[in-house]
């Protein structure tokens, strides 16, 4: 992201590598608390990060979780800082969905 949009201050990266489910949840809780994040982007809709993020939503109803994140989603989010975090995340999710395309292949 830094090389594409030049704004590395927008995202705080967290990995789940080597972490248990409870470690992932604790790490996300700490990062949300430390950064004031209002949006969490995850890769897999039923992955450990998404499940932990959804549990955090119970404590923070204003937290938005975007799953199935791709590069188009992240780029769109960065360039819509004029919107509220939740609205920017929803806009980005729509753009990400629209960016998917399958071509070729046998019928």
C-alpha atoms as a PDB file:
ATOM      1  CA  UNK A   1       0.000   0.000   0.000  1.00  0.00           C
ATOM      2  CA  UNK A   2       2.770   2.394   0.910  1.00  0.00           C
ATOM      3  CA  UNK A   3       4.299   2.154  -2.563  1.00  0.00           C
ATOM      4  CA  UNK A   4       0.967   2.440  -4.367  1.00  0.00           C
ATOM      5  CA  UNK A   5      -0.741   5.264  -2.474  1.00  0.00           C
ATOM      6  CA  UNK A   6       2.058   6.723  -0.377  1.00  0.00           C
ATOM      7  CA  UNK A   7      -0.010   6.783   2.829  1.00  0.00           C
ATOM      8  CA  UNK A   8       1.239   4.144   5.218  1.00  0.00           C
ATOM      9  CA  UNK A   9      -0.271   5.913   8.242  1.00  0.00           C
ATOM     10  CA  UNK A  10      -3.773   4.751   7.319  1.00  0.00           C
ATOM     11  CA  UNK A  11      -3.297   1.068   8.155  1.00  0.00           C
ATOM     12  CA  UNK A  12      -1.927  -0.809  11.141  1.00  0.00           C
ATOM     13  CA  UNK A  13      -0.966  -4.315  10.043  1.00  0.00           C
ATOM     14  CA  UNK A  14      -1.608  -7.335  12.236  1.00  0.00           C
ATOM     15  CA  UNK A  15      -0.706 -10.925  11.447  1.00  0.00           C
ATOM     16  CA  UNK A  16      -2.214 -14.063  12.907  1.00  0.00           C
ATOM     17  CA  UNK A  17       0.848 -16.138  12.084  1.00  0.00           C
ATOM     18  CA  UNK A  18       1.726 -18.356  15.038  1.00  0.00           C
ATOM     19  CA  UNK A  19      -1.166 -17.046  17.150  1.00  0.00           C
ATOM     20  CA  UNK A  20      -4.019 -18.952  18.736  1.00  0.00           C
ATOM     21  CA  UNK A  21      -7.587 -17.719  18.280  1.00  0.00           C
ATOM     22  CA  UNK A  22      -7.504 -16.038  21.699  1.00  0.00           C
ATOM     23  CA  UNK A  23      -4.139 -14.433  20.869  1.00  0.00           C
ATOM     24  CA  UNK A  24      -5.591 -13.018  17.652  1.00  0.00           C
ATOM     25  CA  UNK A  25      -8.552 -11.558  19.534  1.00  0.00           C
ATOM     26  CA  UNK A  26      -6.309 -10.089  22.239  1.00  0.00           C
ATOM     27  CA  UNK A  27      -3.990  -8.588  19.612  1.00  0.00           C
ATOM     28  CA  UNK A  28      -6.873  -7.004  17.694  1.00  0.00           C
ATOM     29  CA  UNK A  29      -8.385  -5.658  20.908  1.00  0.00           C
ATOM     30  CA  UNK A  30      -5.045  -4.087  21.853  1.00  0.00           C
ATOM     31  CA  UNK A  31      -4.535  -2.548  18.386  1.00  0.00           C
ATOM     32  CA  UNK A  32      -8.082  -1.162  18.226  1.00  0.00           C
ATOM     33  CA  UNK A  33      -7.623   0.341  21.677  1.00  0.00           C
ATOM     34  CA  UNK A  34      -4.188   1.779  20.895  1.00  0.00           C
ATOM     35  CA  UNK A  35      -5.041   3.194  17.467  1.00  0.00           C
ATOM     36  CA  UNK A  36      -8.724   4.033  17.776  1.00  0.00           C
ATOM     37  CA  UNK A  37      -9.353   2.026  14.607  1.00  0.00           C
ATOM     38  CA  UNK A  38     -12.981   1.966  13.479  1.00  0.00           C
ATOM     39  CA  UNK A  39     -12.506  -0.491  10.597  1.00  0.00           C
ATOM     40  CA  UNK A  40     -10.870  -3.913  10.472  1.00  0.00           C
ATOM     41  CA  UNK A  41     -10.065  -5.456   7.081  1.00  0.00           C
ATOM     42  CA  UNK A  42      -9.626  -9.232   6.931  1.00  0.00           C
ATOM     43  CA  UNK A  43      -8.979 -11.748   4.188  1.00  0.00           C
ATOM     44  CA  UNK A  44     -11.247 -14.734   4.802  1.00  0.00           C
ATOM     45  CA  UNK A  45     -14.907 -14.362   5.815  1.00  0.00           C
ATOM     46  CA  UNK A  46     -14.654 -17.264   8.286  1.00  0.00           C
ATOM     47  CA  UNK A  47     -10.966 -16.964   9.192  1.00  0.00           C
ATOM     48  CA  UNK A  48      -9.574 -16.481  12.689  1.00  0.00           C
ATOM     49  CA  UNK A  49      -9.043 -12.743  12.208  1.00  0.00           C
ATOM     50  CA  UNK A  50     -12.609 -12.217  11.023  1.00  0.00           C
ATOM     51  CA  UNK A  51     -14.059 -14.247  13.879  1.00  0.00           C
ATOM     52  CA  UNK A  52     -12.005 -12.247  16.398  1.00  0.00           C
ATOM     53  CA  UNK A  53     -13.022  -8.964  14.738  1.00  0.00           C
ATOM     54  CA  UNK A  54     -16.697  -9.939  14.900  1.00  0.00           C
ATOM     55  CA  UNK A  55     -16.364 -10.667  18.612  1.00  0.00           C
ATOM     56  CA  UNK A  56     -14.857  -7.187  19.035  1.00  0.00           C
ATOM     57  CA  UNK A  57     -17.880  -5.714  17.242  1.00  0.00           C
ATOM     58  CA  UNK A  58     -20.025  -6.885  20.146  1.00  0.00           C
ATOM     59  CA  UNK A  59     -17.990  -4.602  22.430  1.00  0.00           C
ATOM     60  CA  UNK A  60     -17.625  -1.817  19.849  1.00  0.00           C
ATOM     61  CA  UNK A  61     -20.829  -1.537  17.786  1.00  0.00           C
ATOM     62  CA  UNK A  62     -19.291   1.299  15.752  1.00  0.00           C
ATOM     63  CA  UNK A  63     -16.524  -1.027  14.502  1.00  0.00           C
ATOM     64  CA  UNK A  64     -16.873  -2.060  10.848  1.00  0.00           C
ATOM     65  CA  UNK A  65     -15.421  -5.353   9.620  1.00  0.00           C
ATOM     66  CA  UNK A  66     -14.686  -5.840   5.912  1.00  0.00           C
ATOM     67  CA  UNK A  67     -13.970  -9.429   4.873  1.00  0.00           C
ATOM     68  CA  UNK A  68     -12.609 -10.771   1.613  1.00  0.00           C
ATOM     69  CA  UNK A  69     -10.421  -7.704   1.336  1.00  0.00           C
ATOM     70  CA  UNK A  70      -8.452  -7.172  -1.845  1.00  0.00           C
ATOM     71  CA  UNK A  71      -6.135  -4.422  -3.047  1.00  0.00           C
ATOM     72  CA  UNK A  72      -8.979  -2.510  -4.717  1.00  0.00           C
ATOM     73  CA  UNK A  73     -10.782  -2.314  -1.364  1.00  0.00           C
ATOM     74  CA  UNK A  74      -7.769  -0.926   0.461  1.00  0.00           C
ATOM     75  CA  UNK A  75      -6.965   1.641  -2.224  1.00  0.00           C
ATOM     76  CA  UNK A  76     -10.558   2.877  -2.356  1.00  0.00           C
ATOM     77  CA  UNK A  77     -10.689   3.168   1.441  1.00  0.00           C
ATOM     78  CA  UNK A  78      -7.528   5.290   1.518  1.00  0.00           C
ATOM     79  CA  UNK A  79      -8.917   7.749  -1.004  1.00  0.00           C
ATOM     80  CA  UNK A  80     -12.249   8.253   0.765  1.00  0.00           C
ATOM     81  CA  UNK A  81     -11.036   9.784   4.009  1.00  0.00           C
ATOM     82  CA  UNK A  82     -13.688  12.493   3.538  1.00  0.00           C
ATOM     83  CA  UNK A  83     -16.312   9.890   4.532  1.00  0.00           C
ATOM     84  CA  UNK A  84     -16.872   8.433   7.980  1.00  0.00           C
ATOM     85  CA  UNK A  85     -14.781   5.285   8.520  1.00  0.00           C
ATOM     86  CA  UNK A  86     -17.849   3.046   8.265  1.00  0.00           C
ATOM     87  CA  UNK A  87     -19.104   4.736   5.089  1.00  0.00           C
ATOM     88  CA  UNK A  88     -15.625   4.651   3.547  1.00  0.00           C
ATOM     89  CA  UNK A  89     -15.397   0.926   4.348  1.00  0.00           C
ATOM     90  CA  UNK A  90     -18.799   0.201   2.780  1.00  0.00           C
ATOM     91  CA  UNK A  91     -17.871   2.227  -0.319  1.00  0.00           C
ATOM     92  CA  UNK A  92     -14.560   0.381  -0.562  1.00  0.00           C
ATOM     93  CA  UNK A  93     -16.274  -3.006  -0.218  1.00  0.00           C
ATOM     94  CA  UNK A  94     -18.582  -2.145  -3.120  1.00  0.00           C
ATOM     95  CA  UNK A  95     -15.618  -1.091  -5.269  1.00  0.00           C
ATOM     96  CA  UNK A  96     -13.739  -4.248  -4.331  1.00  0.00           C
ATOM     97  CA  UNK A  97     -16.716  -6.399  -5.251  1.00  0.00           C
ATOM     98  CA  UNK A  98     -17.007  -4.588  -8.579  1.00  0.00           C
ATOM     99  CA  UNK A  99     -13.286  -5.114  -9.290  1.00  0.00           C
ATOM    100  CA  UNK A 100     -13.651  -8.908  -9.459  1.00  0.00           C
ATOM    101  CA  UNK A 101     -13.754 -10.364 -12.946  1.00  0.00           C
ATOM    102  CA  UNK A 102     -13.403 -13.845 -14.387  1.00  0.00           C
ATOM    103  CA  UNK A 103     -12.557 -14.277 -18.066  1.00  0.00           C
ATOM    104  CA  UNK A 104     -11.867 -17.207 -20.341  1.00  0.00           C
ATOM    105  CA  UNK A 105     -12.119 -20.812 -19.443  1.00  0.00           C
ATOM    106  CA  UNK A 106     -14.231 -23.562 -20.930  1.00  0.00           C
ATOM    107  CA  UNK A 107     -18.026 -23.321 -20.578  1.00  0.00           C
END
